[in-house]
PDB file of N, CA and C in Angstrom:
ATOM      1  N   MET A   1       0.713  -1.052  -0.063  1.00  0.00           N
ATOM      2  CA  MET A   1      -0.046   0.031  -0.203  1.00  0.00           C
ATOM      3  C   MET A   1       0.638   1.300  -0.004  1.00  0.00           C
ATOM      4  N   GLU A   2       0.449   2.311  -0.600  1.00  0.00           N
ATOM      5  CA  GLU A   2       1.201   3.542  -0.557  1.00  0.00           C
ATOM      6  C   GLU A   2       0.723   4.565   0.619  1.00  0.00           C
ATOM      7  N   TRP A   3       1.782   5.230   0.860  1.00  0.00           N
ATOM      8  CA  TRP A   3       1.414   6.342   2.211  1.00  0.00           C
ATOM      9  C   TRP A   3       0.086   7.041   2.249  1.00  0.00           C
ATOM     10  N   TYR A   4      -0.829   7.332   1.020  1.00  0.00           N
ATOM     11  CA  TYR A   4      -1.712   7.812   0.712  1.00  0.00           C
ATOM     12  C   TYR A   4      -2.889   6.844   1.295  1.00  0.00           C
ATOM     13  N   HIS A   5      -3.004   5.555   1.091  1.00  0.00           N
ATOM     14  CA  HIS A   5      -3.689   4.693   1.584  1.00  0.00           C
ATOM     15  C   HIS A   5      -3.774   4.725   3.022  1.00  0.00           C
ATOM     16  N   TYR A   6      -2.588   4.725   3.817  1.00  0.00           N
ATOM     17  CA  TYR A   6      -2.522   5.047   5.101  1.00  0.00           C
ATOM     18  C   TYR A   6      -3.435   6.240   5.642  1.00  0.00           C
ATOM     19  N   PHE A   7      -3.132   7.073   4.830  1.00  0.00           N
ATOM     20  CA  PHE A   7      -3.731   8.678   5.422  1.00  0.00           C
ATOM     21  C   PHE A   7      -4.946   8.543   5.317  1.00  0.00           C
ATOM     22  N   SER A   8      -5.608   8.039   4.308  1.00  0.00           N
ATOM     23  CA  SER A   8      -6.945   7.666   4.124  1.00  0.00           C
ATOM     24  C   SER A   8      -7.572   7.304   5.319  1.00  0.00           C
ATOM     25  N   GLY A   9      -7.295   5.961   5.313  1.00  0.00           N
ATOM     26  CA  GLY A   9      -7.454   4.905   6.585  1.00  0.00           C
ATOM     27  C   GLY A   9      -7.400   5.766   7.625  1.00  0.00           C
ATOM     28  N   PHE A  10      -6.506   6.503   8.119  1.00  0.00           N
ATOM     29  CA  PHE A  10      -6.588   7.241   9.252  1.00  0.00           C
ATOM     30  C   PHE A  10      -8.155   8.017   9.320  1.00  0.00           C
ATOM     31  N   PHE A  11      -8.376   8.916   8.354  1.00  0.00           N
ATOM     32  CA  PHE A  11      -9.314   9.548   8.477  1.00  0.00           C
ATOM     33  C   PHE A  11     -10.636   9.120   8.166  1.00  0.00           C
ATOM     34  N   ALA A  12     -10.680   7.741   7.718  1.00  0.00           N
ATOM     35  CA  ALA A  12     -11.953   7.037   7.567  1.00  0.00           C
ATOM     36  C   ALA A  12     -12.300   6.663   9.357  1.00  0.00           C
ATOM     37  N   GLY A  13     -11.196   6.282   9.826  1.00  0.00           N
ATOM     38  CA  GLY A  13     -11.183   6.353  11.343  1.00  0.00           C
ATOM     39  C   GLY A  13     -11.859   7.525  12.078  1.00  0.00           C
ATOM     40  N   ALA A  14     -11.418   8.614  11.915  1.00  0.00           N
ATOM     41  CA  ALA A  14     -11.474   9.816  12.397  1.00  0.00           C
ATOM     42  C   ALA A  14     -12.989  10.345  12.062  1.00  0.00           C
ATOM     43  N   PHE A  15     -13.430  10.290  10.754  1.00  0.00           N
ATOM     44  CA  PHE A  15     -14.828  10.576  10.579  1.00  0.00           C
ATOM     45  C   PHE A  15     -15.867   9.784  11.031  1.00  0.00           C
ATOM     46  N   LEU A  16     -15.586   8.341  11.201  1.00  0.00           N
ATOM     47  CA  LEU A  16     -16.655   7.681  11.605  1.00  0.00           C
ATOM     48  C   LEU A  16     -16.661   7.753  12.943  1.00  0.00           C
ATOM     49  N   SER A  17     -15.596   8.040  13.785  1.00  0.00           N
ATOM     50  CA  SER A  17     -15.534   8.470  15.377  1.00  0.00           C
ATOM     51  C   SER A  17     -16.800   9.776  15.483  1.00  0.00           C
ATOM     52  N   ASN A  18     -16.270  10.518  14.441  1.00  0.00           N
ATOM     53  CA  ASN A  18     -16.682  11.731  14.557  1.00  0.00           C
ATOM     54  C   ASN A  18     -18.319  11.709  14.662  1.00  0.00           C
ATOM     55  N   SER A  19     -18.975  10.245  13.656  1.00  0.00           N
ATOM     56  CA  SER A  19     -20.162  10.267  13.609  1.00  0.00           C
ATOM     57  C   SER A  19     -20.828   9.837  14.678  1.00  0.00           C
ATOM     58  N   VAL A  20     -20.453   9.042  15.551  1.00  0.00           N
ATOM     59  CA  VAL A  20     -20.952   8.467  16.582  1.00  0.00           C
ATOM     60  C   VAL A  20     -21.797   8.948  17.358  1.00  0.00           C
ATOM     61  N   PRO A  21     -21.086  10.313  18.169  1.00  0.00           N
ATOM     62  CA  PRO A  21     -22.136  11.015  19.035  1.00  0.00           C
ATOM     63  C   PRO A  21     -23.153  11.573  18.483  1.00  0.00           C
ATOM     64  N   HIS A  22     -22.845  12.477  17.252  1.00  0.00           N
ATOM     65  CA  HIS A  22     -24.012  12.903  16.865  1.00  0.00           C
ATOM     66  C   HIS A  22     -25.159  11.995  16.487  1.00  0.00           C
ATOM     67  N   PHE A  23     -24.877  10.974  15.795  1.00  0.00           N
ATOM     68  CA  PHE A  23     -25.823  10.039  15.452  1.00  0.00           C
ATOM     69  C   PHE A  23     -26.594   9.335  16.902  1.00  0.00           C
ATOM     70  N   VAL A  24     -26.227   9.243  17.620  1.00  0.00           N
ATOM     71  CA  VAL A  24     -26.468   8.823  19.041  1.00  0.00           C
ATOM     72  C   VAL A  24     -27.667   9.822  19.686  1.00  0.00           C
ATOM     73  N   LYS A  25     -26.634  11.363  19.774  1.00  0.00           N
ATOM     74  CA  LYS A  25     -27.695  12.155  20.214  1.00  0.00           C
ATOM     75  C   LYS A  25     -29.184  12.586  19.440  1.00  0.00           C
ATOM     76  N   GLY A  26     -28.569  12.547  17.940  1.00  0.00           N
ATOM     77  CA  GLY A  26     -29.529  12.768  17.423  1.00  0.00           C
ATOM     78  C   GLY A  26     -30.836  11.916  17.197  1.00  0.00           C
ATOM     79  N   ILE A  27     -30.472  10.224  17.342  1.00  0.00           N
ATOM     80  CA  ILE A  27     -31.510   9.743  17.375  1.00  0.00           C
ATOM     81  C   ILE A  27     -31.981   9.317  18.648  1.00  0.00           C
ATOM     82  N   CYS A  28     -31.545   9.987  19.566  1.00  0.00           N
ATOM     83  CA  CYS A  28     -32.081  10.306  21.283  1.00  0.00           C
ATOM     84  C   CYS A  28     -33.073  11.183  21.371  1.00  0.00           C
ATOM     85  N   GLY A  29     -32.738  12.297  20.257  1.00  0.00           N
ATOM     86  CA  GLY A  29     -33.787  13.559  20.498  1.00  0.00           C
ATOM     87  C   GLY A  29     -33.095  14.250  21.057  1.00  0.00           C
ATOM     88  N   ASP A  30     -31.911  14.206  21.439  1.00  0.00           N
ATOM     89  CA  ASP A  30     -31.178  15.454  22.245  1.00  0.00           C
ATOM     90  C   ASP A  30     -30.543  16.225  21.254  1.00  0.00           C
ATOM     91  N   LYS A  31     -30.401  17.480  21.879  1.00  0.00           N
ATOM     92  CA  LYS A  31     -29.724  18.760  20.877  1.00  0.00           C
ATOM     93  C   LYS A  31     -28.248  18.207  21.268  1.00  0.00           C
ATOM     94  N   PHE A  32     -27.256  18.847  20.446  1.00  0.00           N
ATOM     95  CA  PHE A  32     -26.216  18.581  20.474  1.00  0.00           C
ATOM     96  C   PHE A  32     -25.186  19.489  19.929  1.00  0.00           C
ATOM     97  N   PRO A  33     -23.996  19.846  20.096  1.00  0.00           N
ATOM     98  CA  PRO A  33     -23.325  20.761  19.117  1.00  0.00           C
ATOM     99  C   PRO A  33     -22.808  20.184  17.855  1.00  0.00           C
ATOM    100  N   THR A  34     -23.057  21.160  16.693  1.00  0.00           N
ATOM    101  CA  THR A  34     -22.288  20.635  15.643  1.00  0.00           C
ATOM    102  C   THR A  34     -21.676  21.907  14.877  1.00  0.00           C
ATOM    103  N   PRO A  35     -20.814  22.047  13.695  1.00  0.00           N
ATOM    104  CA  PRO A  35     -20.231  23.157  13.390  1.00  0.00           C
ATOM    105  C   PRO A  35     -21.168  24.257  12.866  1.00  0.00           C
ATOM    106  N   PHE A  36     -22.483  23.916  12.836  1.00  0.00           N
ATOM    107  CA  PHE A  36     -23.521  24.940  12.311  1.00  0.00           C
ATOM    108  C   PHE A  36     -24.233  25.379  13.717  1.00  0.00           C
ATOM    109  N   ALA A  37     -23.948  25.276  14.580  1.00  0.00           N
ATOM    110  CA  ALA A  37     -24.405  26.017  15.537  1.00  0.00           C
ATOM    111  C   ALA A  37     -23.884  27.262  15.992  1.00  0.00           C
ATOM    112  N   LYS A  38     -24.919  27.987  16.612  1.00  0.00           N
ATOM    113  CA  LYS A  38     -24.185  29.634  17.200  1.00  0.00           C
ATOM    114  C   LYS A  38     -24.146  29.579  18.784  1.00  0.00           C
ATOM    115  N   PRO A  39     -23.065  29.908  19.319  1.00  0.00           N
ATOM    116  CA  PRO A  39     -21.724  30.050  18.429  1.00  0.00           C
ATOM    117  C   PRO A  39     -21.172  28.731  17.755  1.00  0.00           C
ATOM    118  N   HIS A  40     -20.560  28.741  16.891  1.00  0.00           N
ATOM    119  CA  HIS A  40     -19.878  27.786  16.115  1.00  0.00           C
ATOM    120  C   HIS A  40     -19.092  26.874  17.047  1.00  0.00           C
ATOM    121  N   GLY A  41     -19.770  25.626  17.031  1.00  0.00           N
ATOM    122  CA  GLY A  41     -19.368  24.359  17.376  1.00  0.00           C
ATOM    123  C   GLY A  41     -19.640  24.469  19.007  1.00  0.00           C
ATOM    124  N   LYS A  42     -19.897  25.516  19.549  1.00  0.00           N
ATOM    125  CA  LYS A  42     -20.327  25.451  20.924  1.00  0.00           C
ATOM    126  C   LYS A  42     -21.918  25.299  21.206  1.00  0.00           C
ATOM    127  N   GLY A  43     -22.546  26.278  20.568  1.00  0.00           N
ATOM    128  CA  GLY A  43     -24.276  26.043  20.590  1.00  0.00           C
ATOM    129  C   GLY A  43     -24.825  24.976  20.332  1.00  0.00           C
ATOM    130  N   LEU A  44     -26.050  24.198  20.591  1.00  0.00           N
ATOM    131  CA  LEU A  44     -26.606  23.296  20.349  1.00  0.00           C
ATOM    132  C   LEU A  44     -27.373  23.300  19.146  1.00  0.00           C
ATOM    133  N   SER A  45     -27.184  22.184  18.345  1.00  0.00           N
ATOM    134  CA  SER A  45     -28.116  22.148  17.116  1.00  0.00           C
ATOM    135  C   SER A  45     -29.113  20.842  17.352  1.00  0.00           C
ATOM    136  N   SER A  46     -30.166  20.960  16.672  1.00  0.00           N
ATOM    137  CA  SER A  46     -31.339  19.955  16.647  1.00  0.00           C
ATOM    138  C   SER A  46     -31.039  18.639  16.379  1.00  0.00           C
ATOM    139  N   PRO A  47     -31.727  17.982  17.160  1.00  0.00           N
ATOM    140  CA  PRO A  47     -31.760  16.512  16.899  1.00  0.00           C
ATOM    141  C   PRO A  47     -31.706  16.030  15.159  1.00  0.00           C
ATOM    142  N   VAL A  48     -32.543  16.747  14.254  1.00  0.00           N
ATOM    143  CA  VAL A  48     -32.297  16.396  12.902  1.00  0.00           C
ATOM    144  C   VAL A  48     -31.089  16.862  12.386  1.00  0.00           C
ATOM    145  N   LEU A  49     -30.815  18.065  12.735  1.00  0.00           N
ATOM    146  CA  LEU A  49     -29.097  18.294  12.343  1.00  0.00           C
ATOM    147  C   LEU A  49     -28.058  17.248  12.855  1.00  0.00           C
ATOM    148  N   ASN A  50     -28.339  16.827  13.945  1.00  0.00           N
ATOM    149  CA  ASN A  50     -27.379  16.058  14.162  1.00  0.00           C
ATOM    150  C   ASN A  50     -27.016  14.955  13.662  1.00  0.00           C
ATOM    151  N   VAL A  51     -28.166  14.273  13.420  1.00  0.00           N
ATOM    152  CA  VAL A  51     -28.463  12.980  12.571  1.00  0.00           C
ATOM    153  C   VAL A  51     -27.932  13.228  10.953  1.00  0.00           C
ATOM    154  N   ALA A  52     -28.142  14.466  10.293  1.00  0.00           N
ATOM    155  CA  ALA A  52     -27.828  14.661   9.174  1.00  0.00           C
ATOM    156  C   ALA A  52     -26.126  14.892   9.118  1.00  0.00           C
ATOM    157  N   TRP A  53     -25.616  15.278   9.928  1.00  0.00           N
ATOM    158  CA  TRP A  53     -24.394  15.720  10.192  1.00  0.00           C
ATOM    159  C   TRP A  53     -23.701  14.303  10.131  1.00  0.00           C
ATOM    160  N   ALA A  54     -24.386  13.619  11.314  1.00  0.00           N
ATOM    161  CA  ALA A  54     -23.490  12.006  11.410  1.00  0.00           C
ATOM    162  C   ALA A  54     -23.646  11.337  10.056  1.00  0.00           C
ATOM    163  N   LEU A  55     -25.005  11.404   9.556  1.00  0.00           N
ATOM    164  CA  LEU A  55     -24.710  10.788   8.192  1.00  0.00           C
ATOM    165  C   LEU A  55     -23.799  11.107   7.056  1.00  0.00           C
ATOM    166  N   LEU A  56     -23.606  12.308   7.244  1.00  0.00           N
ATOM    167  CA  LEU A  56     -22.457  12.972   6.172  1.00  0.00           C
ATOM    168  C   LEU A  56     -20.882  12.592   6.373  1.00  0.00           C
ATOM    169  N   ASN A  57     -20.855  12.690   7.873  1.00  0.00           N
ATOM    170  CA  ASN A  57     -19.524  12.098   8.316  1.00  0.00           C
ATOM    171  C   ASN A  57     -19.441  10.641   8.044  1.00  0.00           C
ATOM    172  N   MET A  58     -20.665   9.586   7.983  1.00  0.00           N
ATOM    173  CA  MET A  58     -20.216   8.365   7.368  1.00  0.00           C
ATOM    174  C   MET A  58     -20.235   8.251   6.184  1.00  0.00           C
ATOM    175  N   VAL A  59     -20.497   9.005   5.312  1.00  0.00           N
ATOM    176  CA  VAL A  59     -20.380   8.995   4.047  1.00  0.00           C
ATOM    177  C   VAL A  59     -18.814   9.452   3.549  1.00  0.00           C
ATOM    178  N   ILE A  60     -18.588  10.164   4.521  1.00  0.00           N
ATOM    179  CA  ILE A  60     -16.950  10.875   3.932  1.00  0.00           C
ATOM    180  C   ILE A  60     -16.317   9.516   4.477  1.00  0.00           C
ATOM    181  N   ALA A  61     -16.710   9.189   5.855  1.00  0.00           N
ATOM    182  CA  ALA A  61     -15.535   7.819   6.393  1.00  0.00           C
ATOM    183  C   ALA A  61     -15.603   6.899   5.066  1.00  0.00           C
ATOM    184  N   TYR A  62     -16.759   6.707   4.892  1.00  0.00           N
ATOM    185  CA  TYR A  62     -17.120   5.696   3.895  1.00  0.00           C
ATOM    186  C   TYR A  62     -16.032   5.519   2.695  1.00  0.00           C
ATOM    187  N   LEU A  63     -16.225   6.730   2.067  1.00  0.00           N
ATOM    188  CA  LEU A  63     -15.308   7.487   1.003  1.00  0.00           C
ATOM    189  C   LEU A  63     -13.977   7.360   1.215  1.00  0.00           C
ATOM    190  N   PHE A  64     -13.332   7.617   2.418  1.00  0.00           N
ATOM    191  CA  PHE A  64     -12.018   7.325   2.815  1.00  0.00           C
ATOM    192  C   PHE A  64     -11.535   6.060   3.120  1.00  0.00           C
ATOM    193  N   PHE A  65     -12.420   5.251   3.752  1.00  0.00           N
ATOM    194  CA  PHE A  65     -12.272   3.876   3.827  1.00  0.00           C
ATOM    195  C   PHE A  65     -12.022   3.007   2.248  1.00  0.00           C
ATOM    196  N   ARG A  66     -12.995   3.462   1.508  1.00  0.00           N
ATOM    197  CA  ARG A  66     -12.937   2.861   0.171  1.00  0.00           C
ATOM    198  C   ARG A  66     -11.832   3.083  -0.272  1.00  0.00           C
ATOM    199  N   PHE A  67     -11.106   4.368  -0.251  1.00  0.00           N
ATOM    200  CA  PHE A  67      -9.819   4.840  -0.819  1.00  0.00           C
ATOM    201  C   PHE A  67      -8.571   4.365  -0.278  1.00  0.00           C
ATOM    202  N   SER A  68      -8.775   3.937   0.806  1.00  0.00           N
ATOM    203  CA  SER A  68      -7.830   3.691   1.887  1.00  0.00           C
ATOM    204  C   SER A  68      -7.071   2.006   1.362  1.00  0.00           C
ATOM    205  N   LYS A  69      -8.123   1.433   1.021  1.00  0.00           N
ATOM    206  CA  LYS A  69      -7.767  -0.175   0.667  1.00  0.00           C
ATOM    207  C   LYS A  69      -7.353  -1.053   1.888  1.00  0.00           C
ATOM    208  N   LEU A  70      -8.204  -0.546   3.164  1.00  0.00           N
ATOM    209  CA  LEU A  70      -7.733  -1.144   4.447  1.00  0.00           C
ATOM    210  C   LEU A  70      -8.183  -2.872   4.032  1.00  0.00           C
ATOM    211  N   SER A  71      -7.147  -3.557   4.904  1.00  0.00           N
ATOM    212  CA  SER A  71      -7.185  -4.771   5.141  1.00  0.00           C
ATOM    213  C   SER A  71      -6.962  -5.608   6.246  1.00  0.00           C
ATOM    214  N   PHE A  72      -7.501  -6.605   6.441  1.00  0.00           N
ATOM    215  CA  PHE A  72      -7.518  -7.423   7.808  1.00  0.00           C
ATOM    216  C   PHE A  72      -6.235  -7.949   7.788  1.00  0.00           C
ATOM    217  N   GLN A  73      -5.435  -8.307   6.478  1.00  0.00           N
ATOM    218  CA  GLN A  73      -4.136  -9.036   6.318  1.00  0.00           C
ATOM    219  C   GLN A  73      -3.111  -7.666   6.299  1.00  0.00           C
ATOM    220  N   ASP A  74      -3.299  -6.506   6.517  1.00  0.00           N
ATOM    221  CA  ASP A  74      -2.296  -5.412   6.630  1.00  0.00           C
ATOM    222  C   ASP A  74      -2.574  -5.124   8.400  1.00  0.00           C
ATOM    223  N   ASN A  75      -1.783  -5.147   8.847  1.00  0.00           N
ATOM    224  CA  ASN A  75      -2.006  -4.707  10.280  1.00  0.00           C
ATOM    225  C   ASN A  75      -1.820  -3.336  10.729  1.00  0.00           C
ATOM    226  N   LEU A  76      -0.961  -2.844   9.618  1.00  0.00           N
ATOM    227  CA  LEU A  76      -0.616  -1.323   9.649  1.00  0.00           C
ATOM    228  C   LEU A  76      -1.818  -0.547   9.284  1.00  0.00           C
ATOM    229  N   SER A  77      -2.499  -0.983   8.140  1.00  0.00           N
ATOM    230  CA  SER A  77      -3.696  -0.371   7.919  1.00  0.00           C
ATOM    231  C   SER A  77      -4.786  -0.195   8.970  1.00  0.00           C
ATOM    232  N   LEU A  78      -4.831  -1.320   9.595  1.00  0.00           N
ATOM    233  CA  LEU A  78      -5.904  -1.473  10.693  1.00  0.00           C
ATOM    234  C   LEU A  78      -5.572  -0.517  12.052  1.00  0.00           C
ATOM    235  N   ILE A  79      -3.980  -0.365  12.349  1.00  0.00           N
ATOM    236  CA  ILE A  79      -3.585   0.155  13.148  1.00  0.00           C
ATOM    237  C   ILE A  79      -3.940   1.642  12.895  1.00  0.00           C
ATOM    238  N   THR A  80      -3.664   2.073  11.964  1.00  0.00           N
ATOM    239  CA  THR A  80      -3.448   3.447  11.287  1.00  0.00           C
ATOM    240  C   THR A  80      -5.360   3.918  11.195  1.00  0.00           C
ATOM    241  N   PHE A  81      -6.134   3.033  10.914  1.00  0.00           N
ATOM    242  CA  PHE A  81      -7.500   3.371  11.117  1.00  0.00           C
ATOM    243  C   PHE A  81      -7.982   3.482  12.419  1.00  0.00           C
ATOM    244  N   PHE A  82      -7.678   2.651  13.356  1.00  0.00           N
ATOM    245  CA  PHE A  82      -7.743   2.676  14.597  1.00  0.00           C
ATOM    246  C   PHE A  82      -7.342   3.893  15.328  1.00  0.00           C
ATOM    247  N   ALA A  83      -6.035   4.378  15.048  1.00  0.00           N
ATOM    248  CA  ALA A  83      -5.471   5.635  15.373  1.00  0.00           C
ATOM    249  C   ALA A  83      -6.102   6.715  15.177  1.00  0.00           C
ATOM    250  N   GLY A  84      -6.532   6.791  14.061  1.00  0.00           N
ATOM    251  CA  GLY A  84      -7.721   7.800  13.748  1.00  0.00           C
ATOM    252  C   GLY A  84      -8.923   7.817  14.296  1.00  0.00           C
ATOM    253  N   PHE A  85      -9.517   6.845  14.609  1.00  0.00           N
ATOM    254  CA  PHE A  85     -10.816   6.644  15.505  1.00  0.00           C
ATOM    255  C   PHE A  85     -10.358   7.411  17.006  1.00  0.00           C
ATOM    256  N   ALA A  86      -9.530   6.645  17.474  1.00  0.00           N
ATOM    257  CA  ALA A  86      -8.964   6.968  18.627  1.00  0.00           C
ATOM    258  C   ALA A  86      -8.726   8.140  18.928  1.00  0.00           C
ATOM    259  N   ILE A  87      -7.637   8.794  18.251  1.00  0.00           N
ATOM    260  CA  ILE A  87      -7.256  10.294  18.110  1.00  0.00           C
ATOM    261  C   ILE A  87      -8.581  11.309  18.253  1.00  0.00           C
ATOM    262  N   MET A  88      -9.467  11.121  17.392  1.00  0.00           N
ATOM    263  CA  MET A  88     -10.801  11.899  17.064  1.00  0.00           C
ATOM    264  C   MET A  88     -11.457  11.749  18.356  1.00  0.00           C
ATOM    265  N   SER A  89     -11.748  10.468  18.883  1.00  0.00           N
ATOM    266  CA  SER A  89     -12.366  10.199  19.650  1.00  0.00           C
ATOM    267  C   SER A  89     -12.106  11.236  20.962  1.00  0.00           C
ATOM    268  N   LEU A  90     -10.847  10.850  21.306  1.00  0.00           N
ATOM    269  CA  LEU A  90     -10.099  11.583  22.552  1.00  0.00           C
ATOM    270  C   LEU A  90     -10.092  13.266  22.157  1.00  0.00           C
ATOM    271  N   ILE A  91     -10.090  13.774  21.306  1.00  0.00           N
ATOM    272  CA  ILE A  91     -10.334  15.010  20.940  1.00  0.00           C
ATOM    273  C   ILE A  91     -11.741  15.411  21.088  1.00  0.00           C
ATOM    274  N   SER A  92     -12.677  14.716  20.988  1.00  0.00           N
ATOM    275  CA  SER A  92     -13.906  14.925  20.881  1.00  0.00           C
ATOM    276  C   SER A  92     -14.476  14.661  22.511  1.00  0.00           C
ATOM    277  N   SER A  93     -13.992  13.939  22.891  1.00  0.00           N
ATOM    278  CA  SER A  93     -14.540  13.844  24.426  1.00  0.00           C
ATOM    279  C   SER A  93     -13.776  14.992  25.512  1.00  0.00           C
ATOM    280  N   LYS A  94     -12.682  15.569  24.927  1.00  0.00           N
ATOM    281  CA  LYS A  94     -12.052  16.551  25.458  1.00  0.00           C
ATOM    282  C   LYS A  94     -13.079  17.919  25.075  1.00  0.00           C
ATOM    283  N   GLY A  95     -13.371  17.905  24.004  1.00  0.00           N
ATOM    284  CA  GLY A  95     -14.436  19.231  23.287  1.00  0.00           C
ATOM    285  C   GLY A  95     -15.541  19.454  23.709  1.00  0.00           C
ATOM    286  N   PHE A  96     -16.374  18.213  23.680  1.00  0.00           N
ATOM    287  CA  PHE A  96     -17.195  18.018  24.223  1.00  0.00           C
ATOM    288  C   PHE A  96     -17.963  17.902  25.669  1.00  0.00           C
ATOM    289  N   ALA A  97     -16.839  17.981  26.518  1.00  0.00           N
ATOM    290  CA  ALA A  97     -16.720  17.683  28.083  1.00  0.00           C
ATOM    291  C   ALA A  97     -17.547  19.062  28.642  1.00  0.00           C
ATOM    292  N   SER A  98     -17.004  20.262  28.076  1.00  0.00           N
ATOM    293  CA  SER A  98     -17.633  21.567  28.514  1.00  0.00           C
ATOM    294  C   SER A  98     -18.881  21.983  27.815  1.00  0.00           C
ATOM    295  N   LYS A  99     -19.657  20.928  27.225  1.00  0.00           N
ATOM    296  CA  LYS A  99     -20.864  21.718  26.294  1.00  0.00           C
ATOM    297  C   LYS A  99     -21.945  21.974  27.599  1.00  0.00           C
ATOM    298  N   HIS A 100     -21.908  21.482  28.580  1.00  0.00           N
ATOM    299  CA  HIS A 100     -23.253  21.920  29.651  1.00  0.00           C
ATOM    300  C   HIS A 100     -22.533  22.855  30.640  1.00  0.00           C
ATOM    301  N   LYS A 101     -21.376  23.462  30.642  1.00  0.00           N
ATOM    302  CA  LYS A 101     -21.016  24.307  31.584  1.00  0.00           C
ATOM    303  C   LYS A 101     -21.220  25.561  31.212  1.00  0.00           C
ATOM    304  N   GLU A 102     -21.712  26.210  29.638  1.00  0.00           N
ATOM    305  CA  GLU A 102     -21.992  27.173  29.416  1.00  0.00           C
ATOM    306  C   GLU A 102     -23.309  27.668  29.560  1.00  0.00           C
TER     307      GLU A 102
END
């Protein structure tokens, strides 16, 4: 695999990770921050907008996944995918921790 396949695998994991909280909050009917909220990224968006944002993130993750040529036989590609997922998860947990404090 070429370097850009690993790069794509990383971003596939990152976008998939980002879709999870928006999808869960949206289908539960809860408001949650999106990039479209006011103030940007801190205000709360509607559940419908969160589901739409999650679905868009899933489509982008799928496109990166297809381009990355991830394989269960290539451990480095799986590690790269998981690293993208883990790093975005940690960044999101830190960023969303303060959403109820404002």
